[in-house]
Amino acid sequence: MTGLLLIVLFYGAALLALAVYLQPNSFVVRREAVINAPPRQVFAAINDLRNWQSWSPWAKLDPNADIQYEGPAAGPGAAFEWSGDRSVGAGRMTIVDSRPSERVDLRLDMRKPFAAANDVTFFLVPDGELTKGRWLARTLGLGGDSAARKTHVVWSMSGNASLASRAMNIFVSRDKMIGDQFEKGLENLGAHLSS
């Protein structure tokens, strides 16, 4: 009986190792929403990291997290570090590039609960009736999106999956876990900008 148990454990461990090995070694999580605010307002709320406390889903998970800001108030070089409870962990977020009313690129360096380095991007596209046919004006630099009243926002995060995160992904969907927070964040951002 002990021999049979050892064989079952061996094959079970081998199947688990194979399942971990077959998990993708990189990932992309992406969510999108239409926010009832013009692109310049949405951009301002994202491009200034101090605004994130008003809409970030993680700020609401641990409102007592220790936060330190560095660099300029907004745009490339702006950064914040945080250290909180198990629900938010500890890490640093830095804006690496931004284009007014179009996109914000960030670098997310997690320290806790596990080390990870990921790229985060917010894409902003004018949405709604008033923007139709404005592509030529925008191309010519004539403010083609200035009349937009809504913004289509795409929030994505990508990175390499460590062995530990690949193993975790077997039991908990990374896409669902992070994606659910992105959905809450986009909802919070829309509410913040409409208040």
N, C-alpha and C. Protein backbone atom coordinates (compact mmCIF):
# COMPACT_ATOMS: atom_id res chain seq x y z
N MET A 1 0.82 -1.20 0.00
CA MET A 1 0.00 0.00 0.00
C MET A 1 0.87 1.26 0.00
N THR A 2 1.97 1.25 0.75
CA THR A 2 2.86 2.40 0.79
C THR A 2 3.49 2.64 -0.58
N GLY A 3 3.86 1.58 -1.28
CA GLY A 3 4.43 1.70 -2.62
C GLY A 3 3.45 2.33 -3.60
N LEU A 4 2.19 1.94 -3.53
CA LEU A 4 1.15 2.51 -4.40
C LEU A 4 0.96 3.99 -4.10
N LEU A 5 0.98 4.35 -2.82
CA LEU A 5 0.83 5.75 -2.41
C LEU A 5 1.99 6.58 -2.95
N LEU A 6 3.21 6.05 -2.88
CA LEU A 6 4.37 6.77 -3.40
C LEU A 6 4.28 6.97 -4.91
N ILE A 7 3.79 5.96 -5.62
CA ILE A 7 3.63 6.08 -7.07
C ILE A 7 2.59 7.14 -7.41
N VAL A 8 1.47 7.14 -6.69
CA VAL A 8 0.42 8.14 -6.92
C VAL A 8 0.96 9.54 -6.63
N LEU A 9 1.69 9.71 -5.52
CA LEU A 9 2.27 11.01 -5.18
C LEU A 9 3.28 11.46 -6.24
N PHE A 10 4.10 10.52 -6.70
CA PHE A 10 5.11 10.84 -7.71
C PHE A 10 4.44 11.33 -9.00
N TYR A 11 3.46 10.58 -9.48
CA TYR A 11 2.77 10.98 -10.71
C TYR A 11 1.95 12.25 -10.52
N GLY A 12 1.38 12.43 -9.34
CA GLY A 12 0.65 13.68 -9.05
C GLY A 12 1.58 14.88 -9.09
N ALA A 13 2.76 14.74 -8.47
CA ALA A 13 3.74 15.82 -8.48
C ALA A 13 4.23 16.09 -9.90
N ALA A 14 4.44 15.02 -10.67
CA ALA A 14 4.90 15.18 -12.06
C ALA A 14 3.85 15.90 -12.90
N LEU A 15 2.57 15.56 -12.72
CA LEU A 15 1.49 16.24 -13.45
C LEU A 15 1.39 17.71 -13.06
N LEU A 16 1.55 18.00 -11.76
CA LEU A 16 1.51 19.38 -11.30
C LEU A 16 2.68 20.16 -11.90
N ALA A 17 3.87 19.59 -11.90
CA ALA A 17 5.05 20.25 -12.48
C ALA A 17 4.84 20.49 -13.97
N LEU A 18 4.24 19.54 -14.66
CA LEU A 18 3.95 19.71 -16.09
C LEU A 18 2.94 20.83 -16.31
N ALA A 19 1.91 20.87 -15.46
CA ALA A 19 0.90 21.93 -15.58
C ALA A 19 1.53 23.30 -15.37
N VAL A 20 2.44 23.43 -14.40
CA VAL A 20 3.13 24.70 -14.15
C VAL A 20 3.99 25.05 -15.36
N TYR A 21 4.72 24.08 -15.86
CA TYR A 21 5.60 24.29 -17.01
C TYR A 21 4.82 24.76 -18.24
N LEU A 22 3.63 24.26 -18.43
CA LEU A 22 2.83 24.60 -19.61
C LEU A 22 2.13 25.96 -19.51
N GLN A 23 2.14 26.57 -18.31
CA GLN A 23 1.56 27.90 -18.16
C GLN A 23 2.39 28.90 -18.95
N PRO A 24 1.77 29.92 -19.55
CA PRO A 24 2.53 30.92 -20.31
C PRO A 24 3.57 31.62 -19.43
N ASN A 25 4.72 31.96 -20.01
CA ASN A 25 5.75 32.63 -19.23
C ASN A 25 5.64 34.15 -19.28
N SER A 26 4.60 34.65 -19.91
CA SER A 26 4.30 36.09 -19.89
C SER A 26 2.78 36.24 -19.84
N PHE A 27 2.34 37.44 -19.51
CA PHE A 27 0.90 37.65 -19.39
C PHE A 27 0.53 39.07 -19.78
N VAL A 28 -0.73 39.24 -20.11
CA VAL A 28 -1.34 40.55 -20.36
C VAL A 28 -2.72 40.51 -19.73
N VAL A 29 -3.00 41.50 -18.90
CA VAL A 29 -4.35 41.68 -18.34
C VAL A 29 -4.85 43.01 -18.87
N ARG A 30 -6.06 43.02 -19.39
CA ARG A 30 -6.57 44.24 -20.04
C ARG A 30 -8.06 44.39 -19.75
N ARG A 31 -8.45 45.60 -19.39
CA ARG A 31 -9.85 45.94 -19.21
C ARG A 31 -10.08 47.32 -19.83
N GLU A 32 -11.33 47.56 -20.24
CA GLU A 32 -11.64 48.84 -20.84
C GLU A 32 -13.03 49.31 -20.44
N ALA A 33 -13.20 50.62 -20.53
CA ALA A 33 -14.48 51.23 -20.18
C ALA A 33 -14.59 52.58 -20.88
N VAL A 34 -15.81 53.05 -21.03
CA VAL A 34 -16.05 54.40 -21.53
C VAL A 34 -16.37 55.26 -20.31
N ILE A 35 -15.62 56.34 -20.16
CA ILE A 35 -15.78 57.24 -19.02
C ILE A 35 -16.39 58.54 -19.50
N ASN A 36 -17.36 59.01 -18.77
CA ASN A 36 -18.11 60.20 -19.14
C ASN A 36 -17.33 61.47 -18.75
N ALA A 37 -16.19 61.66 -19.40
CA ALA A 37 -15.35 62.85 -19.20
C ALA A 37 -14.45 62.97 -20.42
N PRO A 38 -14.04 64.18 -20.77
CA PRO A 38 -13.17 64.35 -21.93
C PRO A 38 -11.77 63.77 -21.67
N PRO A 39 -11.06 63.40 -22.74
CA PRO A 39 -9.73 62.80 -22.58
C PRO A 39 -8.77 63.62 -21.73
N ARG A 40 -8.79 64.94 -21.83
CA ARG A 40 -7.85 65.74 -21.04
C ARG A 40 -8.09 65.60 -19.55
N GLN A 41 -9.35 65.45 -19.12
CA GLN A 41 -9.65 65.26 -17.70
C GLN A 41 -9.26 63.86 -17.23
N VAL A 42 -9.52 62.86 -18.05
CA VAL A 42 -9.14 61.50 -17.70
C VAL A 42 -7.62 61.41 -17.61
N PHE A 43 -6.93 62.01 -18.58
CA PHE A 43 -5.48 62.02 -18.58
C PHE A 43 -4.93 62.66 -17.31
N ALA A 44 -5.48 63.80 -16.93
CA ALA A 44 -5.01 64.49 -15.72
C ALA A 44 -5.18 63.64 -14.47
N ALA A 45 -6.27 62.89 -14.39
CA ALA A 45 -6.51 62.04 -13.22
C ALA A 45 -5.55 60.87 -13.15
N ILE A 46 -5.05 60.41 -14.29
CA ILE A 46 -4.13 59.27 -14.32
C ILE A 46 -2.68 59.74 -14.26
N ASN A 47 -2.35 60.81 -14.95
CA ASN A 47 -0.97 61.27 -15.09
C ASN A 47 -0.40 61.88 -13.82
N ASP A 48 -1.23 62.27 -12.87
CA ASP A 48 -0.78 62.77 -11.56
C ASP A 48 -1.05 61.67 -10.54
N LEU A 49 0.00 61.01 -10.08
CA LEU A 49 -0.16 59.85 -9.21
C LEU A 49 -0.82 60.19 -7.87
N ARG A 50 -0.79 61.46 -7.48
CA ARG A 50 -1.45 61.87 -6.22
C ARG A 50 -2.97 61.75 -6.34
N ASN A 51 -3.48 61.79 -7.58
CA ASN A 51 -4.91 61.63 -7.81
C ASN A 51 -5.38 60.20 -7.60
N TRP A 52 -4.45 59.24 -7.68
CA TRP A 52 -4.82 57.84 -7.63
C TRP A 52 -5.51 57.45 -6.33
N GLN A 53 -5.21 58.15 -5.25
CA GLN A 53 -5.85 57.84 -3.96
C GLN A 53 -7.37 58.04 -4.05
N SER A 54 -7.83 58.84 -4.99
CA SER A 54 -9.26 59.11 -5.15
C SER A 54 -9.99 58.01 -5.91
N TRP A 55 -9.26 57.21 -6.69
CA TRP A 55 -9.97 56.24 -7.54
C TRP A 55 -9.34 54.84 -7.59
N SER A 56 -8.10 54.69 -7.17
CA SER A 56 -7.45 53.39 -7.26
C SER A 56 -8.15 52.35 -6.38
N PRO A 57 -8.43 51.18 -6.92
CA PRO A 57 -9.09 50.15 -6.11
C PRO A 57 -8.21 49.68 -4.95
N TRP A 58 -6.89 49.75 -5.13
CA TRP A 58 -6.00 49.31 -4.06
C TRP A 58 -5.95 50.31 -2.92
N ALA A 59 -6.14 51.60 -3.20
CA ALA A 59 -6.19 52.60 -2.13
C ALA A 59 -7.38 52.35 -1.22
N LYS A 60 -8.45 51.84 -1.80
CA LYS A 60 -9.64 51.56 -1.00
C LYS A 60 -9.49 50.25 -0.21
N LEU A 61 -8.64 49.31 -0.70
CA LEU A 61 -8.42 48.07 0.03
C LEU A 61 -7.65 48.30 1.32
N ASP A 62 -6.69 49.22 1.29
CA ASP A 62 -5.91 49.55 2.49
C ASP A 62 -5.71 51.06 2.56
N PRO A 63 -6.71 51.78 3.10
CA PRO A 63 -6.58 53.25 3.16
C PRO A 63 -5.47 53.71 4.10
N ASN A 64 -4.95 52.81 4.94
CA ASN A 64 -3.89 53.18 5.89
C ASN A 64 -2.49 52.85 5.38
N ALA A 65 -2.36 52.45 4.13
CA ALA A 65 -1.03 52.14 3.58
C ALA A 65 -0.15 53.37 3.63
N ASP A 66 1.13 53.15 3.91
CA ASP A 66 2.12 54.23 3.93
C ASP A 66 2.49 54.56 2.49
N ILE A 67 2.36 55.84 2.08
CA ILE A 67 2.63 56.25 0.70
C ILE A 67 3.63 57.39 0.70
N GLN A 68 4.64 57.28 -0.16
CA GLN A 68 5.65 58.32 -0.34
C GLN A 68 5.72 58.69 -1.81
N TYR A 69 5.66 59.99 -2.12
CA TYR A 69 5.75 60.46 -3.50
C TYR A 69 7.16 60.97 -3.78
N GLU A 70 7.61 60.79 -5.03
CA GLU A 70 8.92 61.26 -5.45
C GLU A 70 8.82 61.88 -6.83
N GLY A 71 9.79 62.72 -7.15
CA GLY A 71 9.86 63.29 -8.49
C GLY A 71 8.84 64.38 -8.72
N PRO A 72 8.59 64.71 -9.99
CA PRO A 72 7.62 65.76 -10.31
C PRO A 72 6.21 65.35 -9.90
N ALA A 73 5.32 66.32 -9.85
CA ALA A 73 3.93 66.05 -9.45
C ALA A 73 3.22 65.15 -10.45
N ALA A 74 3.58 65.28 -11.73
CA ALA A 74 2.90 64.49 -12.77
C ALA A 74 3.87 64.24 -13.91
N GLY A 75 3.49 63.28 -14.75
CA GLY A 75 4.27 62.98 -15.95
C GLY A 75 5.49 62.13 -15.68
N PRO A 76 6.33 61.95 -16.71
CA PRO A 76 7.50 61.09 -16.60
C PRO A 76 8.38 61.46 -15.40
N GLY A 77 8.76 60.44 -14.66
CA GLY A 77 9.58 60.63 -13.46
C GLY A 77 8.77 60.69 -12.17
N ALA A 78 7.47 60.96 -12.28
CA ALA A 78 6.63 60.96 -11.08
C ALA A 78 6.54 59.52 -10.57
N ALA A 79 6.65 59.36 -9.25
CA ALA A 79 6.64 58.01 -8.69
C ALA A 79 6.01 58.02 -7.31
N PHE A 80 5.50 56.86 -6.91
CA PHE A 80 5.11 56.69 -5.52
C PHE A 80 5.43 55.29 -5.07
N GLU A 81 5.79 55.21 -3.80
CA GLU A 81 6.04 53.92 -3.16
C GLU A 81 4.99 53.73 -2.10
N TRP A 82 4.61 52.49 -1.88
CA TRP A 82 3.64 52.20 -0.85
C TRP A 82 4.03 50.94 -0.10
N SER A 83 3.54 50.87 1.10
CA SER A 83 3.71 49.67 1.92
C SER A 83 2.43 49.54 2.73
N GLY A 84 1.76 48.42 2.55
CA GLY A 84 0.48 48.25 3.22
C GLY A 84 0.30 46.83 3.72
N ASP A 85 -0.94 46.50 3.99
CA ASP A 85 -1.26 45.16 4.50
C ASP A 85 -1.18 44.13 3.37
N ARG A 86 -1.59 42.91 3.67
CA ARG A 86 -1.51 41.81 2.70
C ARG A 86 -2.31 42.08 1.43
N SER A 87 -3.37 42.88 1.52
CA SER A 87 -4.22 43.10 0.35
C SER A 87 -3.55 43.99 -0.71
N VAL A 88 -2.59 44.83 -0.31
CA VAL A 88 -1.93 45.72 -1.27
C VAL A 88 -0.43 45.49 -1.37
N GLY A 89 0.18 44.86 -0.39
CA GLY A 89 1.61 44.57 -0.43
C GLY A 89 2.45 45.83 -0.38
N ALA A 90 3.59 45.78 -1.06
CA ALA A 90 4.52 46.91 -1.09
C ALA A 90 5.15 46.98 -2.47
N GLY A 91 5.42 48.20 -2.93
CA GLY A 91 6.03 48.35 -4.24
C GLY A 91 6.22 49.80 -4.62
N ARG A 92 6.53 49.99 -5.89
CA ARG A 92 6.79 51.32 -6.43
C ARG A 92 6.19 51.40 -7.83
N MET A 93 5.58 52.55 -8.13
CA MET A 93 5.04 52.79 -9.46
C MET A 93 5.65 54.09 -9.98
N THR A 94 6.14 54.06 -11.22
CA THR A 94 6.79 55.21 -11.82
C THR A 94 6.23 55.46 -13.21
N ILE A 95 5.91 56.71 -13.51
CA ILE A 95 5.48 57.07 -14.87
C ILE A 95 6.73 57.15 -15.73
N VAL A 96 6.79 56.36 -16.78
CA VAL A 96 7.95 56.36 -17.67
C VAL A 96 7.72 57.19 -18.93
N ASP A 97 6.45 57.37 -19.31
CA ASP A 97 6.14 58.18 -20.48
C ASP A 97 4.67 58.56 -20.42
N SER A 98 4.35 59.72 -20.97
CA SER A 98 2.94 60.10 -21.09
C SER A 98 2.78 61.07 -22.24
N ARG A 99 1.63 60.94 -22.90
CA ARG A 99 1.28 61.82 -24.01
C ARG A 99 -0.09 62.40 -23.68
N PRO A 100 -0.17 63.72 -23.52
CA PRO A 100 -1.42 64.35 -23.09
C PRO A 100 -2.64 63.86 -23.88
N SER A 101 -3.65 63.48 -23.13
CA SER A 101 -4.95 63.03 -23.64
C SER A 101 -4.88 61.74 -24.46
N GLU A 102 -3.72 61.06 -24.48
CA GLU A 102 -3.59 59.84 -25.29
C GLU A 102 -3.18 58.60 -24.50
N ARG A 103 -2.13 58.72 -23.65
CA ARG A 103 -1.66 57.53 -22.95
C ARG A 103 -0.75 57.88 -21.79
N VAL A 104 -0.67 56.94 -20.85
CA VAL A 104 0.27 57.03 -19.73
C VAL A 104 0.89 55.64 -19.58
N ASP A 105 2.22 55.59 -19.61
CA ASP A 105 2.96 54.34 -19.45
C ASP A 105 3.65 54.35 -18.09
N LEU A 106 3.49 53.26 -17.35
CA LEU A 106 4.07 53.17 -16.01
C LEU A 106 4.88 51.89 -15.85
N ARG A 107 5.77 51.91 -14.89
CA ARG A 107 6.53 50.72 -14.49
C ARG A 107 6.09 50.39 -13.07
N LEU A 108 5.64 49.16 -12.87
CA LEU A 108 5.18 48.69 -11.56
C LEU A 108 6.20 47.68 -11.04
N ASP A 109 6.85 48.03 -9.94
CA ASP A 109 7.82 47.13 -9.30
C ASP A 109 7.27 46.71 -7.95
N MET A 110 6.81 45.47 -7.88
CA MET A 110 6.27 44.93 -6.62
C MET A 110 7.40 44.34 -5.79
N ARG A 111 7.31 44.52 -4.47
CA ARG A 111 8.25 43.88 -3.54
C ARG A 111 7.55 42.83 -2.70
N LYS A 112 6.30 43.10 -2.33
CA LYS A 112 5.51 42.17 -1.51
C LYS A 112 4.12 42.10 -2.11
N PRO A 113 3.44 41.01 -2.09
CA PRO A 113 3.77 39.74 -1.44
C PRO A 113 4.85 38.95 -2.18
N PHE A 114 5.18 39.33 -3.43
CA PHE A 114 6.28 38.69 -4.16
C PHE A 114 6.86 39.72 -5.11
N ALA A 115 8.10 39.54 -5.48
CA ALA A 115 8.78 40.48 -6.38
C ALA A 115 8.30 40.28 -7.81
N ALA A 116 8.02 41.38 -8.48
CA ALA A 116 7.60 41.34 -9.88
C ALA A 116 7.82 42.72 -10.49
N ALA A 117 8.13 42.74 -11.77
CA ALA A 117 8.27 44.00 -12.51
C ALA A 117 7.35 43.91 -13.72
N ASN A 118 6.41 44.85 -13.81
CA ASN A 118 5.40 44.81 -14.87
C ASN A 118 5.26 46.18 -15.53
N ASP A 119 4.78 46.18 -16.76
CA ASP A 119 4.49 47.40 -17.49
C ASP A 119 2.98 47.64 -17.46
N VAL A 120 2.60 48.86 -17.17
CA VAL A 120 1.19 49.24 -17.09
C VAL A 120 0.96 50.39 -18.07
N THR A 121 -0.12 50.30 -18.83
CA THR A 121 -0.42 51.36 -19.80
C THR A 121 -1.90 51.70 -19.76
N PHE A 122 -2.17 52.99 -19.83
CA PHE A 122 -3.52 53.51 -20.01
C PHE A 122 -3.58 54.15 -21.39
N PHE A 123 -4.46 53.64 -22.25
CA PHE A 123 -4.70 54.24 -23.56
C PHE A 123 -6.01 55.02 -23.47
N LEU A 124 -6.02 56.24 -24.01
CA LEU A 124 -7.21 57.08 -23.99
C LEU A 124 -7.58 57.43 -25.42
N VAL A 125 -8.85 57.18 -25.78
CA VAL A 125 -9.33 57.48 -27.12
C VAL A 125 -10.65 58.23 -26.99
N PRO A 126 -10.78 59.38 -27.67
CA PRO A 126 -12.06 60.09 -27.64
C PRO A 126 -13.19 59.18 -28.09
N ASP A 127 -14.34 59.31 -27.45
CA ASP A 127 -15.47 58.44 -27.76
C ASP A 127 -16.72 59.29 -27.89
N GLY A 128 -17.61 58.88 -28.77
CA GLY A 128 -18.90 59.54 -28.84
C GLY A 128 -19.15 60.23 -30.16
N GLU A 129 -20.36 60.71 -30.32
CA GLU A 129 -20.80 61.32 -31.58
C GLU A 129 -19.98 62.53 -31.98
N LEU A 130 -19.59 63.34 -31.02
CA LEU A 130 -18.91 64.58 -31.36
C LEU A 130 -17.50 64.36 -31.91
N THR A 131 -16.98 63.15 -31.81
CA THR A 131 -15.62 62.91 -32.30
C THR A 131 -15.61 62.29 -33.69
N LYS A 132 -16.74 61.88 -34.20
CA LYS A 132 -16.77 61.27 -35.53
C LYS A 132 -16.36 62.29 -36.59
N GLY A 133 -15.46 61.87 -37.46
CA GLY A 133 -15.00 62.76 -38.51
C GLY A 133 -13.96 63.76 -38.07
N ARG A 134 -13.49 63.68 -36.82
CA ARG A 134 -12.51 64.64 -36.33
C ARG A 134 -11.08 64.15 -36.50
N TRP A 135 -10.89 62.99 -37.09
CA TRP A 135 -9.54 62.45 -37.23
C TRP A 135 -8.65 63.36 -38.07
N LEU A 136 -9.20 64.02 -39.11
CA LEU A 136 -8.41 64.91 -39.95
C LEU A 136 -7.96 66.13 -39.16
N ALA A 137 -8.89 66.70 -38.39
CA ALA A 137 -8.53 67.86 -37.58
C ALA A 137 -7.44 67.51 -36.57
N ARG A 138 -7.55 66.35 -36.00
CA ARG A 138 -6.54 65.92 -35.02
C ARG A 138 -5.20 65.69 -35.71
N THR A 139 -5.21 65.06 -36.87
CA THR A 139 -3.98 64.80 -37.62
C THR A 139 -3.28 66.11 -37.99
N LEU A 140 -4.06 67.13 -38.30
CA LEU A 140 -3.49 68.43 -38.67
C LEU A 140 -3.15 69.28 -37.46
N GLY A 141 -3.38 68.74 -36.26
CA GLY A 141 -3.06 69.48 -35.04
C GLY A 141 -4.06 70.55 -34.70
N LEU A 142 -5.28 70.38 -35.13
CA LEU A 142 -6.31 71.40 -34.89
C LEU A 142 -7.25 71.01 -33.75
N GLY A 143 -6.80 70.14 -32.86
CA GLY A 143 -7.61 69.79 -31.69
C GLY A 143 -8.79 68.93 -32.02
N GLY A 144 -8.60 67.89 -32.78
CA GLY A 144 -9.68 67.03 -33.23
C GLY A 144 -10.48 66.37 -32.13
N ASP A 145 -9.91 66.24 -30.92
CA ASP A 145 -10.67 65.57 -29.86
C ASP A 145 -11.16 66.56 -28.81
N SER A 146 -11.02 67.85 -29.05
CA SER A 146 -11.38 68.82 -28.03
C SER A 146 -12.87 68.82 -27.70
N ALA A 147 -13.69 68.35 -28.64
CA ALA A 147 -15.13 68.33 -28.40
C ALA A 147 -15.61 67.02 -27.79
N ALA A 148 -14.70 66.07 -27.61
CA ALA A 148 -15.10 64.77 -27.07
C ALA A 148 -15.61 64.94 -25.65
N ARG A 149 -16.73 64.33 -25.37
CA ARG A 149 -17.30 64.39 -24.02
C ARG A 149 -17.07 63.10 -23.27
N LYS A 150 -16.68 62.05 -23.98
CA LYS A 150 -16.43 60.76 -23.34
C LYS A 150 -15.08 60.23 -23.80
N THR A 151 -14.53 59.35 -22.98
CA THR A 151 -13.22 58.78 -23.28
C THR A 151 -13.27 57.27 -23.14
N HIS A 152 -12.79 56.59 -24.16
CA HIS A 152 -12.64 55.14 -24.10
C HIS A 152 -11.27 54.89 -23.48
N VAL A 153 -11.23 54.23 -22.32
CA VAL A 153 -9.99 53.99 -21.58
C VAL A 153 -9.69 52.49 -21.61
N VAL A 154 -8.45 52.16 -21.97
CA VAL A 154 -7.97 50.78 -21.92
C VAL A 154 -6.83 50.75 -20.90
N TRP A 155 -6.98 49.92 -19.87
CA TRP A 155 -5.98 49.76 -18.82
C TRP A 155 -5.38 48.37 -18.98
N SER A 156 -4.08 48.30 -19.22
CA SER A 156 -3.45 47.00 -19.40
C SER A 156 -2.20 46.87 -18.55
N MET A 157 -1.87 45.64 -18.21
CA MET A 157 -0.64 45.33 -17.50
C MET A 157 -0.04 44.08 -18.13
N SER A 158 1.26 44.12 -18.36
CA SER A 158 1.94 42.97 -18.95
C SER A 158 3.25 42.74 -18.23
N GLY A 159 3.73 41.51 -18.33
CA GLY A 159 5.01 41.19 -17.71
C GLY A 159 5.35 39.73 -17.90
N ASN A 160 6.48 39.37 -17.34
CA ASN A 160 6.92 37.98 -17.35
C ASN A 160 6.34 37.28 -16.13
N ALA A 161 5.96 36.05 -16.30
CA ALA A 161 5.39 35.27 -15.21
C ALA A 161 6.50 34.42 -14.59
N SER A 162 6.78 34.64 -13.32
CA SER A 162 7.77 33.84 -12.61
C SER A 162 7.22 32.43 -12.41
N LEU A 163 8.08 31.54 -12.01
CA LEU A 163 7.65 30.17 -11.77
C LEU A 163 6.57 30.13 -10.69
N ALA A 164 6.75 30.94 -9.64
CA ALA A 164 5.76 30.96 -8.56
C ALA A 164 4.41 31.49 -9.06
N SER A 165 4.43 32.55 -9.88
CA SER A 165 3.15 33.08 -10.37
C SER A 165 2.52 32.15 -11.40
N ARG A 166 3.34 31.41 -12.13
CA ARG A 166 2.77 30.42 -13.06
C ARG A 166 2.07 29.31 -12.28
N ALA A 167 2.68 28.90 -11.16
CA ALA A 167 2.06 27.88 -10.32
C ALA A 167 0.76 28.41 -9.71
N MET A 168 0.80 29.67 -9.25
CA MET A 168 -0.39 30.27 -8.66
C MET A 168 -1.53 30.37 -9.67
N ASN A 169 -1.17 30.62 -10.93
CA ASN A 169 -2.18 30.79 -11.98
C ASN A 169 -2.98 29.51 -12.24
N ILE A 170 -2.46 28.36 -11.82
CA ILE A 170 -3.20 27.10 -11.95
C ILE A 170 -4.42 27.11 -11.04
N PHE A 171 -4.27 27.74 -9.87
CA PHE A 171 -5.33 27.70 -8.86
C PHE A 171 -6.17 28.98 -8.83
N VAL A 172 -5.56 30.12 -9.20
CA VAL A 172 -6.26 31.40 -9.17
C VAL A 172 -5.97 32.11 -10.50
N SER A 173 -7.00 32.53 -11.18
CA SER A 173 -6.82 33.20 -12.46
C SER A 173 -6.23 34.60 -12.27
N ARG A 174 -5.03 34.80 -12.80
CA ARG A 174 -4.39 36.12 -12.73
C ARG A 174 -5.26 37.15 -13.44
N ASP A 175 -5.79 36.76 -14.60
CA ASP A 175 -6.62 37.67 -15.36
C ASP A 175 -7.84 38.12 -14.55
N LYS A 176 -8.47 37.19 -13.87
CA LYS A 176 -9.65 37.54 -13.08
C LYS A 176 -9.28 38.36 -11.86
N MET A 177 -8.21 37.94 -11.16
CA MET A 177 -7.82 38.62 -9.93
C MET A 177 -7.44 40.08 -10.20
N ILE A 178 -6.56 40.30 -11.18
CA ILE A 178 -6.13 41.66 -11.50
C ILE A 178 -7.22 42.38 -12.29
N GLY A 179 -7.84 41.68 -13.23
CA GLY A 179 -8.87 42.28 -14.06
C GLY A 179 -10.05 42.81 -13.26
N ASP A 180 -10.44 42.09 -12.21
CA ASP A 180 -11.53 42.57 -11.35
C ASP A 180 -11.17 43.90 -10.70
N GLN A 181 -9.90 44.04 -10.29
CA GLN A 181 -9.46 45.31 -9.69
C GLN A 181 -9.42 46.42 -10.73
N PHE A 182 -8.99 46.10 -11.95
CA PHE A 182 -8.99 47.09 -13.03
C PHE A 182 -10.41 47.57 -13.30
N GLU A 183 -11.37 46.65 -13.33
CA GLU A 183 -12.77 47.03 -13.56
C GLU A 183 -13.26 47.97 -12.47
N LYS A 184 -12.95 47.64 -11.21
CA LYS A 184 -13.33 48.53 -10.10
C LYS A 184 -12.66 49.89 -10.23
N GLY A 185 -11.37 49.87 -10.61
CA GLY A 185 -10.64 51.12 -10.76
C GLY A 185 -11.22 52.01 -11.84
N LEU A 186 -11.58 51.43 -12.98
CA LEU A 186 -12.18 52.22 -14.05
C LEU A 186 -13.54 52.76 -13.63
N GLU A 187 -14.29 51.95 -12.90
CA GLU A 187 -15.58 52.41 -12.38
C GLU A 187 -15.36 53.57 -11.40
N ASN A 188 -14.38 53.43 -10.50
CA ASN A 188 -14.06 54.48 -9.53
C ASN A 188 -13.59 55.74 -10.23
N LEU A 189 -12.76 55.58 -11.28
CA LEU A 189 -12.26 56.73 -12.03
C LEU A 189 -13.42 57.51 -12.68
N GLY A 190 -14.35 56.77 -13.26
CA GLY A 190 -15.52 57.43 -13.84
C GLY A 190 -16.33 58.17 -12.80
N ALA A 191 -16.53 57.55 -11.64
CA ALA A 191 -17.29 58.21 -10.56
C ALA A 191 -16.55 59.43 -10.04
N HIS A 192 -15.23 59.32 -9.90
CA HIS A 192 -14.41 60.43 -9.42
C HIS A 192 -14.50 61.63 -10.36
N LEU A 193 -14.47 61.37 -11.66
CA LEU A 193 -14.49 62.46 -12.64
C LEU A 193 -15.88 63.05 -12.84
N SER A 194 -16.91 62.32 -12.46
CA SER A 194 -18.26 62.87 -12.62
C SER A 194 -18.73 63.59 -11.37
N SER A 195 -17.95 63.52 -10.29
CA SER A 195 -18.38 64.19 -9.05
C SER A 195 -17.93 65.63 -9.00
